[in-house]
């Protein structure tokens, strides 16, 4: 079974342990909290260095949010 972590804030990257195999990153429910391009890049770099799988989590987004 895969062990994964869901975080929406880069400050929580420190909670990732060597037992984790995947990082789910992003807000589940609020389109106004989507990560900036630099935050996304930092999360991706974190997962690459640790050879973790990565999934970007996004909420439903309205036309206004696009």
PDB file of N, CA and C in Angstrom:
ATOM      1  N   UNK A   1       0.833  -1.165   0.000  1.00  0.00           N
ATOM      2  CA  UNK A   1       0.000   0.000   0.000  1.00  0.00           C
ATOM      3  C   UNK A   1       0.890   1.244   0.000  1.00  0.00           C
ATOM      4  N   UNK A   2       0.505   2.222  -0.805  1.00  0.00           N
ATOM      5  CA  UNK A   2       1.263   3.463  -0.897  1.00  0.00           C
ATOM      6  C   UNK A   2       0.991   4.347   0.317  1.00  0.00           C
ATOM      7  N   UNK A   3       2.056   4.945   0.846  1.00  0.00           N
ATOM      8  CA  UNK A   3       1.908   5.909   1.934  1.00  0.00           C
ATOM      9  C   UNK A   3       2.098   7.294   1.334  1.00  0.00           C
ATOM     10  N   UNK A   4       1.103   8.152   1.527  1.00  0.00           N
ATOM     11  CA  UNK A   4       1.122   9.482   0.927  1.00  0.00           C
ATOM     12  C   UNK A   4       0.799  10.536   1.973  1.00  0.00           C
ATOM     13  N   UNK A   5       1.160  11.780   1.645  1.00  0.00           N
ATOM     14  CA  UNK A   5       0.836  12.911   2.508  1.00  0.00           C
ATOM     15  C   UNK A   5       0.142  13.968   1.669  1.00  0.00           C
ATOM     16  N   UNK A   6      -0.834  14.623   2.262  1.00  0.00           N
ATOM     17  CA  UNK A   6      -1.549  15.724   1.624  1.00  0.00           C
ATOM     18  C   UNK A   6      -1.218  16.997   2.378  1.00  0.00           C
ATOM     19  N   UNK A   7      -0.595  17.944   1.679  1.00  0.00           N
ATOM     20  CA  UNK A   7      -0.307  19.236   2.298  1.00  0.00           C
ATOM     21  C   UNK A   7      -0.694  20.343   1.327  1.00  0.00           C
ATOM     22  N   UNK A   8      -1.012  21.497   1.878  1.00  0.00           N
ATOM     23  CA  UNK A   8      -1.347  22.642   1.033  1.00  0.00           C
ATOM     24  C   UNK A   8      -0.439  23.831   1.324  1.00  0.00           C
ATOM     25  N   UNK A   9       0.524  23.636   2.204  1.00  0.00           N
ATOM     26  CA  UNK A   9       1.413  24.706   2.612  1.00  0.00           C
ATOM     27  C   UNK A   9       2.851  24.179   2.608  1.00  0.00           C
ATOM     28  N   UNK A  10       3.755  24.931   2.000  1.00  0.00           N
ATOM     29  CA  UNK A  10       5.149  24.490   1.925  1.00  0.00           C
ATOM     30  C   UNK A  10       5.782  24.306   3.304  1.00  0.00           C
ATOM     31  N   UNK A  11       5.295  25.023   4.297  1.00  0.00           N
ATOM     32  CA  UNK A  11       5.841  24.876   5.648  1.00  0.00           C
ATOM     33  C   UNK A  11       5.669  23.455   6.171  1.00  0.00           C
ATOM     34  N   UNK A  12       4.714  22.725   5.615  1.00  0.00           N
ATOM     35  CA  UNK A  12       4.451  21.361   6.075  1.00  0.00           C
ATOM     36  C   UNK A  12       5.292  20.302   5.361  1.00  0.00           C
ATOM     37  N   UNK A  13       6.173  20.709   4.463  1.00  0.00           N
ATOM     38  CA  UNK A  13       7.047  19.733   3.809  1.00  0.00           C
ATOM     39  C   UNK A  13       7.915  19.004   4.835  1.00  0.00           C
ATOM     40  N   UNK A  14       8.178  19.650   5.948  1.00  0.00           N
ATOM     41  CA  UNK A  14       9.002  19.016   6.988  1.00  0.00           C
ATOM     42  C   UNK A  14       8.311  17.802   7.609  1.00  0.00           C
ATOM     43  N   UNK A  15       7.017  17.652   7.376  1.00  0.00           N
ATOM     44  CA  UNK A  15       6.273  16.507   7.916  1.00  0.00           C
ATOM     45  C   UNK A  15       6.440  15.243   7.074  1.00  0.00           C
ATOM     46  N   UNK A  16       7.029  15.384   5.891  1.00  0.00           N
ATOM     47  CA  UNK A  16       7.216  14.244   5.001  1.00  0.00           C
ATOM     48  C   UNK A  16       8.360  13.388   5.539  1.00  0.00           C
ATOM     49  N   UNK A  17       8.112  12.095   5.649  1.00  0.00           N
ATOM     50  CA  UNK A  17       9.113  11.167   6.176  1.00  0.00           C
ATOM     51  C   UNK A  17       9.612  10.254   5.053  1.00  0.00           C
ATOM     52  N   UNK A  18      10.697   9.530   5.288  1.00  0.00           N
ATOM     53  CA  UNK A  18      11.185   8.593   4.268  1.00  0.00           C
ATOM     54  C   UNK A  18      10.181   7.491   3.926  1.00  0.00           C
ATOM     55  N   UNK A  19       9.201   7.268   4.779  1.00  0.00           N
ATOM     56  CA  UNK A  19       8.196   6.241   4.498  1.00  0.00           C
ATOM     57  C   UNK A  19       7.168   6.695   3.458  1.00  0.00           C
ATOM     58  N   UNK A  20       7.060   7.995   3.236  1.00  0.00           N
ATOM     59  CA  UNK A  20       6.109   8.497   2.245  1.00  0.00           C
ATOM     60  C   UNK A  20       6.610   8.193   0.833  1.00  0.00           C
ATOM     61  N   UNK A  21       5.669   7.854  -0.036  1.00  0.00           N
ATOM     62  CA  UNK A  21       5.999   7.574  -1.432  1.00  0.00           C
ATOM     63  C   UNK A  21       5.375   8.577  -2.392  1.00  0.00           C
ATOM     64  N   UNK A  22       4.418   9.362  -1.916  1.00  0.00           N
ATOM     65  CA  UNK A  22       3.730  10.324  -2.769  1.00  0.00           C
ATOM     66  C   UNK A  22       3.391  11.565  -1.956  1.00  0.00           C
ATOM     67  N   UNK A  23       3.449  12.706  -2.647  1.00  0.00           N
ATOM     68  CA  UNK A  23       3.020  13.967  -2.060  1.00  0.00           C
ATOM     69  C   UNK A  23       1.841  14.492  -2.864  1.00  0.00           C
ATOM     70  N   UNK A  24       0.742  14.716  -2.184  1.00  0.00           N
ATOM     71  CA  UNK A  24      -0.401  15.430  -2.752  1.00  0.00           C
ATOM     72  C   UNK A  24      -0.257  16.866  -2.275  1.00  0.00           C
ATOM     73  N   UNK A  25      -0.175  17.807  -3.210  1.00  0.00           N
ATOM     74  CA  UNK A  25       0.095  19.200  -2.846  1.00  0.00           C
ATOM     75  C   UNK A  25      -0.952  20.116  -3.449  1.00  0.00           C
ATOM     76  N   UNK A  26      -1.533  20.952  -2.604  1.00  0.00           N
ATOM     77  CA  UNK A  26      -2.487  21.947  -3.070  1.00  0.00           C
ATOM     78  C   UNK A  26      -3.745  21.966  -2.227  1.00  0.00           C
ATOM     79  N   UNK A  27      -4.578  22.978  -2.446  1.00  0.00           N
ATOM     80  CA  UNK A  27      -5.815  23.107  -1.677  1.00  0.00           C
ATOM     81  C   UNK A  27      -6.930  22.263  -2.287  1.00  0.00           C
ATOM     82  N   UNK A  28      -7.659  21.575  -1.466  1.00  0.00           N
ATOM     83  CA  UNK A  28      -8.754  20.741  -1.968  1.00  0.00           C
ATOM     84  C   UNK A  28     -10.019  21.535  -2.243  1.00  0.00           C
ATOM     85  N   UNK A  29     -10.223  22.635  -1.516  1.00  0.00           N
ATOM     86  CA  UNK A  29     -11.537  23.256  -1.523  1.00  0.00           C
ATOM     87  C   UNK A  29     -11.582  24.735  -1.889  1.00  0.00           C
ATOM     88  N   UNK A  30     -10.456  25.425  -2.007  1.00  0.00           N
ATOM     89  CA  UNK A  30     -10.499  26.876  -2.210  1.00  0.00           C
ATOM     90  C   UNK A  30      -9.661  27.296  -3.406  1.00  0.00           C
ATOM     91  N   UNK A  31     -10.330  27.802  -4.423  1.00  0.00           N
ATOM     92  CA  UNK A  31      -9.623  28.221  -5.630  1.00  0.00           C
ATOM     93  C   UNK A  31      -8.701  29.410  -5.382  1.00  0.00           C
ATOM     94  N   UNK A  32      -8.926  30.144  -4.314  1.00  0.00           N
ATOM     95  CA  UNK A  32      -8.111  31.316  -4.018  1.00  0.00           C
ATOM     96  C   UNK A  32      -6.803  30.952  -3.319  1.00  0.00           C
ATOM     97  N   UNK A  33      -6.635  29.694  -2.976  1.00  0.00           N
ATOM     98  CA  UNK A  33      -5.419  29.246  -2.292  1.00  0.00           C
ATOM     99  C   UNK A  33      -4.513  28.400  -3.184  1.00  0.00           C
ATOM    100  N   UNK A  34      -4.749  28.425  -4.494  1.00  0.00           N
ATOM    101  CA  UNK A  34      -3.886  27.667  -5.405  1.00  0.00           C
ATOM    102  C   UNK A  34      -2.442  28.129  -5.243  1.00  0.00           C
ATOM    103  N   UNK A  35      -1.484  27.225  -5.330  1.00  0.00           N
ATOM    104  CA  UNK A  35      -0.082  27.616  -5.154  1.00  0.00           C
ATOM    105  C   UNK A  35       0.399  28.489  -6.310  1.00  0.00           C
ATOM    106  N   UNK A  36       1.325  29.373  -5.991  1.00  0.00           N
ATOM    107  CA  UNK A  36       1.950  30.195  -7.024  1.00  0.00           C
ATOM    108  C   UNK A  36       2.890  29.309  -7.838  1.00  0.00           C
ATOM    109  N   UNK A  37       3.315  29.781  -9.009  1.00  0.00           N
ATOM    110  CA  UNK A  37       4.275  28.986  -9.785  1.00  0.00           C
ATOM    111  C   UNK A  37       5.555  28.672  -9.003  1.00  0.00           C
ATOM    112  N   UNK A  38       6.033  29.613  -8.207  1.00  0.00           N
ATOM    113  CA  UNK A  38       7.263  29.349  -7.445  1.00  0.00           C
ATOM    114  C   UNK A  38       7.020  28.331  -6.328  1.00  0.00           C
ATOM    115  N   UNK A  39       5.848  28.359  -5.703  1.00  0.00           N
ATOM    116  CA  UNK A  39       5.526  27.362  -4.677  1.00  0.00           C
ATOM    117  C   UNK A  39       5.407  25.976  -5.297  1.00  0.00           C
ATOM    118  N   UNK A  40       4.786  25.914  -6.447  1.00  0.00           N
ATOM    119  CA  UNK A  40       4.651  24.636  -7.148  1.00  0.00           C
ATOM    120  C   UNK A  40       6.022  24.090  -7.530  1.00  0.00           C
ATOM    121  N   UNK A  41       6.890  24.962  -8.015  1.00  0.00           N
ATOM    122  CA  UNK A  41       8.239  24.540  -8.389  1.00  0.00           C
ATOM    123  C   UNK A  41       9.002  24.009  -7.173  1.00  0.00           C
ATOM    124  N   UNK A  42       8.860  24.670  -6.042  1.00  0.00           N
ATOM    125  CA  UNK A  42       9.542  24.219  -4.822  1.00  0.00           C
ATOM    126  C   UNK A  42       9.040  22.845  -4.380  1.00  0.00           C
ATOM    127  N   UNK A  43       7.735  22.642  -4.446  1.00  0.00           N
ATOM    128  CA  UNK A  43       7.171  21.340  -4.073  1.00  0.00           C
ATOM    129  C   UNK A  43       7.649  20.254  -5.038  1.00  0.00           C
ATOM    130  N   UNK A  44       7.684  20.562  -6.325  1.00  0.00           N
ATOM    131  CA  UNK A  44       8.163  19.591  -7.314  1.00  0.00           C
ATOM    132  C   UNK A  44       9.633  19.255  -7.094  1.00  0.00           C
ATOM    133  N   UNK A  45      10.445  20.259  -6.830  1.00  0.00           N
ATOM    134  CA  UNK A  45      11.867  20.014  -6.564  1.00  0.00           C
ATOM    135  C   UNK A  45      12.049  19.143  -5.323  1.00  0.00           C
ATOM    136  N   UNK A  46      11.245  19.394  -4.311  1.00  0.00           N
ATOM    137  CA  UNK A  46      11.283  18.589  -3.086  1.00  0.00           C
ATOM    138  C   UNK A  46      11.016  17.123  -3.414  1.00  0.00           C
ATOM    139  N   UNK A  47       9.985  16.860  -4.201  1.00  0.00           N
ATOM    140  CA  UNK A  47       9.635  15.470  -4.513  1.00  0.00           C
ATOM    141  C   UNK A  47      10.675  14.818  -5.422  1.00  0.00           C
ATOM    142  N   UNK A  48      11.226  15.569  -6.347  1.00  0.00           N
ATOM    143  CA  UNK A  48      12.253  14.996  -7.234  1.00  0.00           C
ATOM    144  C   UNK A  48      13.481  14.569  -6.448  1.00  0.00           C
ATOM    145  N   UNK A  49      13.922  15.418  -5.535  1.00  0.00           N
ATOM    146  CA  UNK A  49      15.112  15.106  -4.733  1.00  0.00           C
ATOM    147  C   UNK A  49      14.915  13.847  -3.892  1.00  0.00           C
ATOM    148  N   UNK A  50      13.680  13.611  -3.487  1.00  0.00           N
ATOM    149  CA  UNK A  50      13.384  12.460  -2.627  1.00  0.00           C
ATOM    150  C   UNK A  50      12.762  11.297  -3.385  1.00  0.00           C
ATOM    151  N   UNK A  51      12.674  11.452  -4.694  1.00  0.00           N
ATOM    152  CA  UNK A  51      12.100  10.422  -5.576  1.00  0.00           C
ATOM    153  C   UNK A  51      10.689  10.021  -5.146  1.00  0.00           C
ATOM    154  N   UNK A  52       9.886  11.026  -4.862  1.00  0.00           N
ATOM    155  CA  UNK A  52       8.486  10.814  -4.504  1.00  0.00           C
ATOM    156  C   UNK A  52       7.607  11.055  -5.725  1.00  0.00           C
ATOM    157  N   UNK A  53       6.505  10.373  -5.785  1.00  0.00           N
ATOM    158  CA  UNK A  53       5.500  10.682  -6.798  1.00  0.00           C
ATOM    159  C   UNK A  53       4.805  11.970  -6.380  1.00  0.00           C
ATOM    160  N   UNK A  54       4.284  12.707  -7.361  1.00  0.00           N
ATOM    161  CA  UNK A  54       3.681  14.010  -7.082  1.00  0.00           C
ATOM    162  C   UNK A  54       2.312  14.107  -7.730  1.00  0.00           C
ATOM    163  N   UNK A  55       1.363  14.630  -6.968  1.00  0.00           N
ATOM    164  CA  UNK A  55       0.031  14.908  -7.493  1.00  0.00           C
ATOM    165  C   UNK A  55      -0.359  16.317  -7.072  1.00  0.00           C
ATOM    166  N   UNK A  56      -0.733  17.140  -8.050  1.00  0.00           N
ATOM    167  CA  UNK A  56      -1.234  18.479  -7.751  1.00  0.00           C
ATOM    168  C   UNK A  56      -2.720  18.370  -7.456  1.00  0.00           C
ATOM    169  N   UNK A  57      -3.106  18.825  -6.279  1.00  0.00           N
ATOM    170  CA  UNK A  57      -4.506  18.794  -5.854  1.00  0.00           C
ATOM    171  C   UNK A  57      -5.118  20.151  -6.175  1.00  0.00           C
ATOM    172  N   UNK A  58      -6.258  20.142  -6.846  1.00  0.00           N
ATOM    173  CA  UNK A  58      -6.950  21.391  -7.162  1.00  0.00           C
ATOM    174  C   UNK A  58      -8.430  21.263  -6.834  1.00  0.00           C
ATOM    175  N   UNK A  59      -9.028  22.368  -6.433  1.00  0.00           N
ATOM    176  CA  UNK A  59     -10.472  22.358  -6.205  1.00  0.00           C
ATOM    177  C   UNK A  59     -11.197  22.600  -7.529  1.00  0.00           C
ATOM    178  N   UNK A  60     -12.502  22.490  -7.502  1.00  0.00           N
ATOM    179  CA  UNK A  60     -13.268  22.978  -8.635  1.00  0.00           C
ATOM    180  C   UNK A  60     -13.011  24.469  -8.736  1.00  0.00           C
ATOM    181  N   UNK A  61     -12.849  24.974  -9.958  1.00  0.00           N
ATOM    182  CA  UNK A  61     -12.530  26.382 -10.154  1.00  0.00           C
ATOM    183  C   UNK A  61     -13.608  27.016 -11.025  1.00  0.00           C
ATOM    184  N   UNK A  62     -14.054  28.192 -10.608  1.00  0.00           N
ATOM    185  CA  UNK A  62     -15.050  28.925 -11.388  1.00  0.00           C
ATOM    186  C   UNK A  62     -14.368  29.648 -12.540  1.00  0.00           C
ATOM    187  N   UNK A  63     -15.154  30.192 -13.457  1.00  0.00           N
ATOM    188  CA  UNK A  63     -14.588  30.995 -14.543  1.00  0.00           C
ATOM    189  C   UNK A  63     -13.791  32.161 -13.975  1.00  0.00           C
ATOM    190  N   UNK A  64     -14.272  32.737 -12.891  1.00  0.00           N
ATOM    191  CA  UNK A  64     -13.574  33.843 -12.243  1.00  0.00           C
ATOM    192  C   UNK A  64     -12.200  33.411 -11.736  1.00  0.00           C
ATOM    193  N   UNK A  65     -12.100  32.180 -11.267  1.00  0.00           N
ATOM    194  CA  UNK A  65     -10.855  31.675 -10.715  1.00  0.00           C
ATOM    195  C   UNK A  65      -9.811  31.317 -11.756  1.00  0.00           C
ATOM    196  N   UNK A  66     -10.239  31.181 -13.009  1.00  0.00           N
ATOM    197  CA  UNK A  66      -9.287  30.855 -14.065  1.00  0.00           C
ATOM    198  C   UNK A  66      -8.515  32.085 -14.432  1.00  0.00           C
TER     199      UNK A  66
END
